[in-house]
Amino acid sequence: MVRVRISNSKPSVGQGADLPIFVVVELRRSLLTWYAKAGRTLPWRQTQDPYAIWVSEIMLQQTQVKTVIPYYERWLATFPTIQSLADAEQEQVLKLWQGLGYYARARNLHRAAQEIVDRHGGQFPQDLATVLTLPGVGRTTAGGILSAAFDQPLPILDGNVKRVLARLTALAVPTSRAIAQLWQLSEAVLDPQRPRHFNQAIMDLGATVCGPRQPDCPTCPWQTHCRAYQANMQDEIPLAESRSPVPHKQIGVAVIWNEQQQILIDRRKQQGLLGGLWEFPGGKIEPGETVEACIVREIQEELGIEVAVGDRLITIDHAYSHFRVTLNVFHCRHVAGEPQPIECDEVRWVTLAEIDQFPFPKANEKIIEALKTATL
């Protein structure tokens, strides 16, 4: 008997997940049969090139398939090999990623490609321990790559898989409080003879049938063994995490013009959410501070120059994963001082015609659109 115990506080539901071997065998068989008929046709499933699969795995982190596909195709057209990615400039990499979000993923892909070239002769490694040392690669990503590219029997545990397994066992705690047990369960149900197809199948099950809301239980191949379905709790499981209020930051942003009608942009430091991207300078508005005063202070602190704040250009609301921002964007005139990269990696004067060459965060793209509209 394969035993996977997941502790919880509701004895009547999900009191352990003891899976007899005959149930595990049936789960594998029914899922793979379903997948053969209902599995999605996706571009990265048409190859066993570990590089192409790796790119797809990174892009799919916290991003929907329909959004990823055009980025994936453009990426491989531009960087068809690990060597070509390793040889690229970071700015080119970030520009190609622009709009996909979570830019640390692109920086990590670039760094990892360089490591693979330097340490592994440009060949993607095939052992789990080595793959886990690559920047940006965790256990799920490594398992996804090695199972898809080399058919290695390694489990995965992305958001879709967590949801499927939580419902299968009627997990009575949020998934974040049962990660070790869920990994154990994912490994237990994995078909060691067909790991490539099984991992893709369980992801598809979560993405197309066992979705976050209103799961399509009548079409689910695991309905017979699903404890959440048996208890009529499929809409409640996985249990939601308690969430703190989302912080909301008010930001003053400067579009600084010089006498040559150039605009000042700066490149963010490598660390952090938007590291390596270019932006229009600015910062957080302090309590009791006007937007104009904030801009003057921030530009002095960040770039060491004086500006005169003019008219408002645009106001932009933008949501990130854990906070929201409102960008209050003003035209500004350069008054005095030579711009210095005090709190950034680089500063540059550019024309509006040149600005599309640089990778910007998505919210800043709206500023560029507003500037172009204003000059028409």
Foldseek 3Di string as FASTA:
>chain_A
DQFQFFDDDDCVALRGDGAPPVNLVLVQVLLLVLCVPDPDDAPLLVDLQLLLQLVQLLLPAVADRVVCRVLSVVVCVQVVALVSLLPDDLFVQLLSCAPSFQCVSSVQSNQLSVVCCVPVVRGDDQDLVVNCVRGPDDQQSSQLSNCQNPVALGFHDDPLQLQVVCQLSVRNAASVVGVVSSRSVRSSSQDSVRNNSSRSSSSRCSVPALDQADGNLVSHSSNVRGRCNVVVNSNCPPPDDDDDDFAEFEKQFEQEQEPVRWTKKFAADQDDRRHGAIAGDIGTADPPGDSQRRRQVRQCQQWVFGKAWDAWQDWDWDDDPRHIYIYGYTYIYTDDDDTDRNRHDDMDIGHLVPVSSGRHHPRRVVVSVSVVVVVD
